Amino acid sequence: MPKIKVPSTNSVGHNNLCAERVEQGFLRPADAANYLGVSKTTLYRMVNSGELPPLMRLSPRVTGWPVQILNKHLVERYGAHEDA
């Protein structure tokens, strides 16, 4: 029987797939919520309130945001980091 590869996790249990998707430049809702440090429910509230733009559709079943949009939101909300 072949072994199944399980994604590695860090100390808080999040898988490392988010970091790989950040490098690719597009985050799906679960990863975007993790990236922003909010729940998926809060993420959708942010979209409904206009704080974040609507999801972009890459294919019929894939939606999310470019990392640049999420970074812009972070800068607008919290300001630029002094070390940046």
C-alpha atoms as a PDB file:
ATOM      1  CA  MET A   1       0.000   0.000   0.000  1.00  0.00           C
ATOM      2  CA  PRO A   2       1.480   3.418  -0.964  1.00  0.00           C
ATOM      3  CA  LYS A   3       2.167   5.952   1.758  1.00  0.00           C
ATOM      4  CA  ILE A   4       0.137   9.136   1.745  1.00  0.00           C
ATOM      5  CA  LYS A   5       2.102  12.351   2.112  1.00  0.00           C
ATOM      6  CA  VAL A   6       0.603  14.547   4.835  1.00  0.00           C
ATOM      7  CA  PRO A   7       1.408  18.280   4.782  1.00  0.00           C
ATOM      8  CA  SER A   8       3.757  19.283   7.571  1.00  0.00           C
ATOM      9  CA  THR A   9       2.436  21.535  10.321  1.00  0.00           C
ATOM     10  CA  ASN A  10       4.052  24.158  12.503  1.00  0.00           C
ATOM     11  CA  SER A  11       3.680  24.445  16.283  1.00  0.00           C
ATOM     12  CA  VAL A  12       0.199  25.964  16.132  1.00  0.00           C
ATOM     13  CA  GLY A  13      -1.125  23.369  13.706  1.00  0.00           C
ATOM     14  CA  HIS A  14      -1.367  25.468  10.535  1.00  0.00           C
ATOM     15  CA  ASN A  15      -0.045  23.717   7.486  1.00  0.00           C
ATOM     16  CA  ASN A  16       2.764  25.174   5.453  1.00  0.00           C
ATOM     17  CA  LEU A  17       0.649  25.346   2.316  1.00  0.00           C
ATOM     18  CA  CYS A  18      -0.241  28.977   3.077  1.00  0.00           C
ATOM     19  CA  ALA A  19       3.425  30.016   2.778  1.00  0.00           C
ATOM     20  CA  GLU A  20       3.653  28.260  -0.585  1.00  0.00           C
ATOM     21  CA  ARG A  21       0.521  30.031  -1.818  1.00  0.00           C
ATOM     22  CA  VAL A  22       1.836  33.402  -0.626  1.00  0.00           C
ATOM     23  CA  GLU A  23       4.875  32.838  -2.837  1.00  0.00           C
ATOM     24  CA  GLN A  24       2.549  32.049  -5.755  1.00  0.00           C
ATOM     25  CA  GLY A  25       0.774  35.356  -5.197  1.00  0.00           C
ATOM     26  CA  PHE A  26      -2.854  34.217  -4.802  1.00  0.00           C
ATOM     27  CA  LEU A  27      -4.662  33.173  -1.625  1.00  0.00           C
ATOM     28  CA  ARG A  28      -7.932  31.327  -1.361  1.00  0.00           C
ATOM     29  CA  PRO A  29     -10.325  32.351   1.446  1.00  0.00           C
ATOM     30  CA  ALA A  30      -9.037  30.015   4.184  1.00  0.00           C
ATOM     31  CA  ASP A  31      -5.430  30.989   3.514  1.00  0.00           C
ATOM     32  CA  ALA A  32      -6.329  34.688   3.191  1.00  0.00           C
ATOM     33  CA  ALA A  33      -8.062  34.586   6.577  1.00  0.00           C
ATOM     34  CA  ASN A  34      -5.010  32.919   8.111  1.00  0.00           C
ATOM     35  CA  TYR A  35      -2.711  35.464   6.415  1.00  0.00           C
ATOM     36  CA  LEU A  36      -4.736  38.384   7.815  1.00  0.00           C
ATOM     37  CA  GLY A  37      -5.127  36.761  11.229  1.00  0.00           C
ATOM     38  CA  VAL A  38      -8.927  36.611  11.140  1.00  0.00           C
ATOM     39  CA  SER A  39     -11.551  33.888  10.864  1.00  0.00           C
ATOM     40  CA  LYS A  40     -13.199  33.057   7.537  1.00  0.00           C
ATOM     41  CA  THR A  41     -16.436  34.533   8.891  1.00  0.00           C
ATOM     42  CA  THR A  42     -14.671  37.829   9.652  1.00  0.00           C
ATOM     43  CA  LEU A  43     -13.038  37.734   6.223  1.00  0.00           C
ATOM     44  CA  TYR A  44     -16.453  37.512   4.536  1.00  0.00           C
ATOM     45  CA  ARG A  45     -17.772  40.284   6.802  1.00  0.00           C
ATOM     46  CA  MET A  46     -14.869  42.447   5.631  1.00  0.00           C
ATOM     47  CA  VAL A  47     -15.858  41.770   2.002  1.00  0.00           C
ATOM     48  CA  ASN A  48     -19.534  42.530   2.680  1.00  0.00           C
ATOM     49  CA  SER A  49     -18.648  45.804   4.438  1.00  0.00           C
ATOM     50  CA  GLY A  50     -16.365  46.897   1.591  1.00  0.00           C
ATOM     51  CA  GLU A  51     -13.205  46.690   3.691  1.00  0.00           C
ATOM     52  CA  LEU A  52     -11.856  44.090   1.245  1.00  0.00           C
ATOM     53  CA  PRO A  53     -12.661  43.825  -2.465  1.00  0.00           C
ATOM     54  CA  PRO A  54     -14.823  40.942  -3.693  1.00  0.00           C
ATOM     55  CA  LEU A  55     -13.267  37.577  -4.363  1.00  0.00           C
ATOM     56  CA  MET A  56     -11.617  37.138  -7.747  1.00  0.00           C
ATOM     57  CA  ARG A  57     -12.574  34.044  -9.711  1.00  0.00           C
ATOM     58  CA  LEU A  58      -9.687  32.119 -11.286  1.00  0.00           C
ATOM     59  CA  SER A  59     -11.828  29.231 -12.456  1.00  0.00           C
ATOM     60  CA  PRO A  60     -15.377  27.992 -11.849  1.00  0.00           C
ATOM     61  CA  ARG A  61     -14.350  26.531  -8.481  1.00  0.00           C
ATOM     62  CA  VAL A  62     -11.357  28.659  -7.420  1.00  0.00           C
ATOM     63  CA  THR A  63     -11.689  32.118  -5.854  1.00  0.00           C
ATOM     64  CA  GLY A  64      -9.429  34.298  -3.736  1.00  0.00           C
ATOM     65  CA  TRP A  65      -7.299  37.427  -3.708  1.00  0.00           C
ATOM     66  CA  PRO A  66      -3.866  38.380  -5.004  1.00  0.00           C
ATOM     67  CA  VAL A  67      -1.430  38.775  -2.104  1.00  0.00           C
ATOM     68  CA  GLN A  68      -0.766  42.381  -3.194  1.00  0.00           C
ATOM     69  CA  ILE A  69      -4.401  43.302  -2.426  1.00  0.00           C
ATOM     70  CA  LEU A  70      -4.172  41.729   1.032  1.00  0.00           C
ATOM     71  CA  ASN A  71      -0.864  43.508   1.692  1.00  0.00           C
ATOM     72  CA  LYS A  72      -2.416  46.813   0.599  1.00  0.00           C
ATOM     73  CA  HIS A  73      -5.255  46.224   3.059  1.00  0.00           C
ATOM     74  CA  LEU A  74      -2.774  45.561   5.874  1.00  0.00           C
ATOM     75  CA  VAL A  75      -0.825  48.747   5.108  1.00  0.00           C
ATOM     76  CA  GLU A  76      -4.010  50.822   4.911  1.00  0.00           C
ATOM     77  CA  ARG A  77      -5.344  49.367   8.151  1.00  0.00           C
ATOM     78  CA  TYR A  78      -2.172  49.238  10.254  1.00  0.00           C
ATOM     79  CA  GLY A  79       0.284  51.496   8.431  1.00  0.00           C
ATOM     80  CA  ALA A  80       3.689  50.647   7.017  1.00  0.00           C
ATOM     81  CA  HIS A  81       6.066  48.763   9.292  1.00  0.00           C
ATOM     82  CA  GLU A  82       9.040  50.819  10.444  1.00  0.00           C
ATOM     83  CA  ASP A  83      11.527  48.189   9.234  1.00  0.00           C
ATOM     84  CA  ALA A  84       9.976  48.045   5.739  1.00  0.00           C
END
